[in-house]
Amino acid sequence: MLECCSCSRDAVFDGKKAIRGGIPVVFPNFGPWELGPQHGFARTSTWKLLEPPVQGKPVAVFELEDNEQTRAMWNYRFKVRYTVSVGERQLDTNLDITNTGDQPFDFTALLHTYFRLPDISKTTVSGLNGCTYLDKVHKDHKTEGRDLVSIAGETDSMYEATSSVHRITHGAGGYTFVVTKRNLPDTVVWNPWADKAKAMSDFGDDQYVNMICVEAGHVASRVLLPPQQTFSGGQTITLEKKQNL
């Protein structure tokens, strides 16, 4: 079985710290948050398994609802359903965020996908050319001018209004990962590179070579969700043609 998502060998699974790998769900805030932990509380919360996968139907549905702990940080009523569907060469993840209260709220959300790579120096990401982005490493707003974005140092870039399709070349097994987004207009590209990797206790010093985060989200602007309304967004990851490694 080909493992396409990356997970740090030093990831912490204590329920307190976000797992450094897979696809952490970011909600209700992307980035630093004055009301609670960075990237919100969803990625460190315990979700309920509503529908387990069964033979012939590899689909699982998870649910997160507001509780005393979430309302102490962010006093709104909500329900988030996260549906994961697995195919032969495809992985689909979808968020349905419902405002179950009587007051509107706003939020940002993102699927923080870690992709496994054999060598970051060979990987490129498409679908970003012409997009405005915030370069968080150099603290500057820029416009992307490359058809294929490569990584050669610490990268933490938030692109606005990107293409609905990204191709990530030279992924695990020599495949191209094709990410098709739905109602998630923005994309974050992240790799800590050598120095930052060494500074993170839950990340292997050399693992930056074998991963890239390409994260589909609604983060450049906040979503305003009226009472009893639902926001839906997701992504489909498809394995495409092999390349020489």
Protein backbone atom coordinates (compact mmCIF):
# COMPACT_ATOMS: atom_id res chain seq x y z
CA MET A 1 0.00 0.00 0.00
CA LEU A 2 1.37 3.42 -0.99
CA GLU A 3 1.42 5.95 1.83
CA CYS A 4 0.78 9.38 0.29
CA CYS A 5 0.28 11.51 3.40
CA SER A 6 3.31 12.36 5.49
CA CYS A 7 3.48 12.07 9.27
CA SER A 8 6.43 13.07 11.41
CA ARG A 9 8.14 10.18 13.16
CA ASP A 10 8.22 12.44 16.24
CA ALA A 11 4.53 13.42 16.12
CA VAL A 12 2.80 13.63 19.50
CA PHE A 13 -0.47 11.72 20.00
CA ASP A 14 -1.51 13.00 23.42
CA GLY A 15 -4.73 14.78 22.40
CA LYS A 16 -3.27 18.12 23.50
CA LYS A 17 -0.92 18.93 20.64
CA ALA A 18 -1.92 18.82 16.98
CA ILE A 19 -0.58 15.75 15.15
CA ARG A 20 2.26 16.75 12.82
CA GLY A 21 0.98 14.89 9.78
CA GLY A 22 -2.02 13.61 7.87
CA ILE A 23 -4.74 16.20 7.27
CA PRO A 24 -5.38 18.28 10.42
CA VAL A 25 -8.65 20.22 10.20
CA VAL A 26 -8.21 23.93 10.91
CA PHE A 27 -11.36 25.61 12.36
CA PRO A 28 -12.57 28.19 13.40
CA ASN A 29 -9.38 30.18 12.85
CA PHE A 30 -6.30 29.87 10.70
CA GLY A 31 -3.09 31.24 12.21
CA PRO A 32 -2.56 32.93 15.58
CA TRP A 33 -5.82 33.40 17.47
CA GLU A 34 -6.39 35.71 20.40
CA LEU A 35 -9.29 33.57 21.66
CA GLY A 36 -7.53 30.22 21.71
CA PRO A 37 -4.77 28.02 20.24
CA GLN A 38 -3.17 28.72 16.88
CA HIS A 39 -5.26 27.27 14.04
CA GLY A 40 -8.26 26.89 16.34
CA PHE A 41 -9.47 23.95 18.39
CA ALA A 42 -10.77 21.48 15.79
CA ARG A 43 -7.42 19.78 15.15
CA THR A 44 -6.93 18.95 18.85
CA SER A 45 -10.56 18.10 19.67
CA THR A 46 -12.08 14.64 20.01
CA TRP A 47 -14.47 14.00 17.14
CA LYS A 48 -17.40 11.58 17.15
CA LEU A 49 -17.45 8.84 14.52
CA LEU A 50 -20.96 9.12 13.08
CA GLU A 51 -20.64 6.62 10.25
CA PRO A 52 -17.82 4.06 10.18
CA PRO A 53 -16.65 2.60 6.88
CA VAL A 54 -18.17 -0.74 5.90
CA GLN A 55 -17.17 -3.36 3.34
CA GLY A 56 -17.83 -2.04 -0.13
CA LYS A 57 -18.24 1.54 1.11
CA PRO A 58 -14.92 3.07 2.27
CA VAL A 59 -16.50 6.24 3.65
CA ALA A 60 -16.31 7.58 7.21
CA VAL A 61 -18.18 10.56 8.65
CA PHE A 62 -16.89 12.40 11.74
CA GLU A 63 -18.63 15.14 13.70
CA LEU A 64 -17.54 17.91 16.04
CA GLU A 65 -20.11 19.97 17.97
CA ASP A 66 -19.71 22.90 20.30
CA ASN A 67 -19.27 22.04 23.96
CA GLU A 68 -18.36 23.78 27.20
CA GLN A 69 -14.69 23.84 26.29
CA THR A 70 -15.19 25.35 22.82
CA ARG A 71 -17.78 27.87 24.06
CA ALA A 72 -15.37 29.06 26.75
CA MET A 73 -13.07 30.16 23.90
CA TRP A 74 -15.56 30.91 21.15
CA ASN A 75 -19.16 31.26 22.32
CA TYR A 76 -21.07 30.00 19.30
CA ARG A 77 -23.15 26.94 18.48
CA PHE A 78 -21.92 24.88 15.56
CA LYS A 79 -21.68 21.44 14.04
CA VAL A 80 -18.84 20.34 11.73
CA ARG A 81 -19.13 17.14 9.70
CA TYR A 82 -15.99 15.78 8.10
CA THR A 83 -16.51 13.12 5.44
CA VAL A 84 -13.58 11.01 4.26
CA SER A 85 -13.98 8.82 1.16
CA VAL A 86 -11.24 6.48 -0.07
CA GLY A 87 -10.96 5.18 -3.63
CA GLU A 88 -8.41 3.07 -5.48
CA ARG A 89 -6.31 6.11 -6.39
CA GLN A 90 -8.31 8.86 -4.77
CA LEU A 91 -8.95 10.45 -1.39
CA ASP A 92 -11.84 12.87 -0.88
CA THR A 93 -12.24 14.99 2.25
CA ASN A 94 -15.18 17.34 2.78
CA LEU A 95 -16.21 19.78 5.50
CA ASP A 96 -19.80 20.78 6.22
CA ILE A 97 -19.88 23.58 8.81
CA THR A 98 -23.31 24.45 10.19
CA ASN A 99 -24.27 27.36 12.41
CA THR A 100 -26.73 25.67 14.80
CA GLY A 101 -27.24 28.79 16.94
CA ASP A 102 -29.28 31.98 16.62
CA GLN A 103 -26.35 34.38 16.08
CA PRO A 104 -24.17 34.70 12.96
CA PHE A 105 -20.48 33.89 13.28
CA ASP A 106 -17.42 34.19 11.06
CA PHE A 107 -14.55 31.77 10.66
CA THR A 108 -11.65 30.58 8.56
CA ALA A 109 -11.07 26.92 7.75
CA LEU A 110 -8.40 24.83 6.05
CA LEU A 111 -7.36 21.25 5.31
CA HIS A 112 -3.71 21.15 6.38
CA THR A 113 -2.58 18.29 4.14
CA TYR A 114 0.92 16.85 4.54
CA PHE A 115 2.11 15.16 1.34
CA ARG A 116 4.86 12.53 1.37
CA LEU A 117 7.75 13.06 -1.07
CA PRO A 118 11.00 11.26 -1.92
CA ASP A 119 12.89 14.54 -2.46
CA ILE A 120 11.56 18.09 -2.01
CA SER A 121 14.17 19.45 -4.44
CA LYS A 122 12.39 17.71 -7.34
CA THR A 123 8.82 18.65 -6.44
CA THR A 124 6.82 21.47 -8.05
CA VAL A 125 3.33 22.84 -7.39
CA SER A 126 1.11 24.24 -10.15
CA GLY A 127 -1.94 26.50 -10.07
CA LEU A 128 -0.35 29.47 -8.26
CA ASN A 129 0.96 31.67 -11.07
CA GLY A 130 -0.43 35.22 -10.99
CA CYS A 131 -1.82 34.85 -7.46
CA THR A 132 -1.17 37.38 -4.70
CA TYR A 133 0.35 35.78 -1.62
CA LEU A 134 1.61 36.61 1.83
CA ASP A 135 5.18 35.39 2.29
CA LYS A 136 5.16 34.81 6.05
CA VAL A 137 8.87 33.99 6.15
CA HIS A 138 9.90 37.38 4.74
CA LYS A 139 6.74 39.19 5.98
CA ASP A 140 5.89 40.62 2.58
CA HIS A 141 3.02 40.55 0.07
CA LYS A 142 4.04 39.33 -3.38
CA THR A 143 2.63 38.12 -6.69
CA GLU A 144 3.63 34.67 -7.88
CA GLY A 145 5.33 34.69 -11.28
CA ARG A 146 6.20 31.01 -11.65
CA ASP A 147 4.09 28.45 -13.52
CA LEU A 148 5.61 25.73 -11.35
CA VAL A 149 6.56 26.66 -7.79
CA SER A 150 9.56 24.83 -6.35
CA ILE A 151 10.88 24.83 -2.78
CA ALA A 152 14.50 25.69 -1.97
CA GLY A 153 14.25 27.05 1.58
CA GLU A 154 11.84 27.71 4.43
CA THR A 155 8.43 28.38 2.89
CA ASP A 156 5.21 29.60 4.49
CA SER A 157 3.11 31.27 1.80
CA MET A 158 -0.63 31.99 1.83
CA TYR A 159 -1.94 32.34 -1.73
CA GLU A 160 -5.26 34.05 -2.44
CA ALA A 161 -7.82 33.03 -5.07
CA THR A 162 -5.81 30.16 -6.48
CA SER A 163 -6.69 27.70 -9.23
CA SER A 164 -9.15 24.98 -8.25
CA VAL A 165 -6.55 22.39 -9.32
CA HIS A 166 -2.95 21.95 -8.12
CA ARG A 167 -0.52 19.34 -9.40
CA ILE A 168 2.23 18.31 -6.98
CA THR A 169 4.91 16.50 -8.94
CA HIS A 170 7.35 13.80 -7.83
CA GLY A 171 5.26 12.63 -4.90
CA ALA A 172 5.44 9.34 -3.06
CA GLY A 173 5.88 6.39 -5.39
CA GLY A 174 6.71 8.73 -8.26
CA TYR A 175 3.11 9.84 -8.62
CA THR A 176 1.79 13.34 -9.24
CA PHE A 177 -0.78 14.32 -6.60
CA VAL A 178 -3.66 16.21 -8.22
CA VAL A 179 -5.57 18.33 -5.69
CA THR A 180 -9.00 19.49 -6.85
CA LYS A 181 -10.60 22.01 -4.49
CA ARG A 182 -14.27 22.78 -3.87
CA ASN A 183 -15.30 26.14 -2.40
CA LEU A 184 -11.89 26.56 -0.80
CA PRO A 185 -10.45 29.50 -2.76
CA ASP A 186 -7.04 29.86 -1.08
CA THR A 187 -3.94 27.67 -0.80
CA VAL A 188 -1.12 27.61 1.75
CA VAL A 189 2.26 26.09 0.85
CA TRP A 190 4.53 25.17 3.77
CA ASN A 191 7.87 23.50 4.36
CA PRO A 192 9.93 24.30 7.49
CA TRP A 193 13.32 23.54 5.90
CA ALA A 194 16.39 22.53 7.90
CA ASP A 195 16.76 25.09 10.70
CA LYS A 196 13.09 25.24 11.64
CA ALA A 197 12.77 21.46 11.44
CA LYS A 198 15.54 21.14 14.03
CA ALA A 199 13.75 23.64 16.27
CA MET A 200 10.48 21.65 16.34
CA SER A 201 10.38 18.91 18.95
CA ASP A 202 7.69 16.95 17.08
CA PHE A 203 9.38 17.02 13.68
CA GLY A 204 12.37 14.95 12.54
CA ASP A 205 15.46 17.04 11.79
CA ASP A 206 15.76 15.66 8.26
CA GLN A 207 12.10 15.08 7.42
CA TYR A 208 11.61 18.40 5.64
CA VAL A 209 13.22 16.73 2.60
CA ASN A 210 10.34 14.24 2.38
CA MET A 211 7.24 16.40 2.77
CA ILE A 212 5.33 19.42 1.59
CA CYS A 213 2.09 20.91 2.86
CA VAL A 214 -0.28 22.15 0.16
CA GLU A 215 -3.32 23.26 2.10
CA ALA A 216 -6.74 24.03 0.63
CA GLY A 217 -8.64 26.61 2.66
CA HIS A 218 -10.83 29.67 3.03
CA VAL A 219 -8.32 31.82 4.89
CA ALA A 220 -7.64 35.08 3.03
CA SER A 221 -11.10 36.33 4.06
CA ARG A 222 -13.46 35.15 6.77
CA VAL A 223 -16.68 33.30 6.03
CA LEU A 224 -19.78 34.92 7.57
CA LEU A 225 -22.26 32.16 8.37
CA PRO A 226 -25.85 33.14 9.29
CA PRO A 227 -27.86 31.07 11.80
CA GLN A 228 -29.02 27.67 10.58
CA GLN A 229 -26.92 27.89 7.41
CA THR A 230 -24.19 25.50 6.23
CA PHE A 231 -20.86 26.13 4.52
CA SER A 232 -19.40 23.25 2.51
CA GLY A 233 -15.89 22.89 1.11
CA GLY A 234 -13.49 20.10 0.36
CA GLN A 235 -10.82 18.56 -1.79
CA THR A 236 -10.19 15.47 -3.88
CA ILE A 237 -6.64 14.10 -4.09
CA THR A 238 -5.99 11.87 -7.09
CA LEU A 239 -2.88 9.90 -7.98
CA GLU A 240 -1.75 10.60 -11.54
CA LYS A 241 0.99 9.16 -13.78
CA LYS A 242 4.30 8.06 -12.33
CA GLN A 243 7.57 9.92 -12.91
CA ASN A 244 11.17 8.82 -12.62
CA LEU A 245 12.40 9.60 -9.10
